[in-house]
């Protein structure tokens, strides 16, 4: 027989036998857990309404039926929320970020990334040398 034909049937049979075990593992992981959706803008805006509508309906098709919570972190044009998702949130699949897409576009265009926590507040203030006024 053809080697690719045997390989196809071998992969198909392995998938049939191991698929229920993989599905059971997913179901146990999300059972009784809470998934956070971190929104980078204030409550009541378009991003918040979209995230709350998503949270209301997203738990039903996921195995284990996790509950979803929307957490608003406004400020710095969604930079605070993006930094939180990137640095502080655990990479365990229980945190989702929903913030302004221009943050990603700035990196694609090659602009320097900024960290809102370490920003020097005096960097934007222009300092002029002191001049003495003539009497």
Foldseek 3Di string as FASTA:
>chain_A
DDPVVVVVVVVVVVCVVCVVVVLVVQLVVQAAAEAEEEEAADPPDPLNVVVVVCQVPVQVVGRNSHHYDYHYDYDPQSLVVVCCVVPVDDPPPRYHYGGDPVLVVCVVVPHDDDHPVPDDPCPVPDDDDDDDDDD
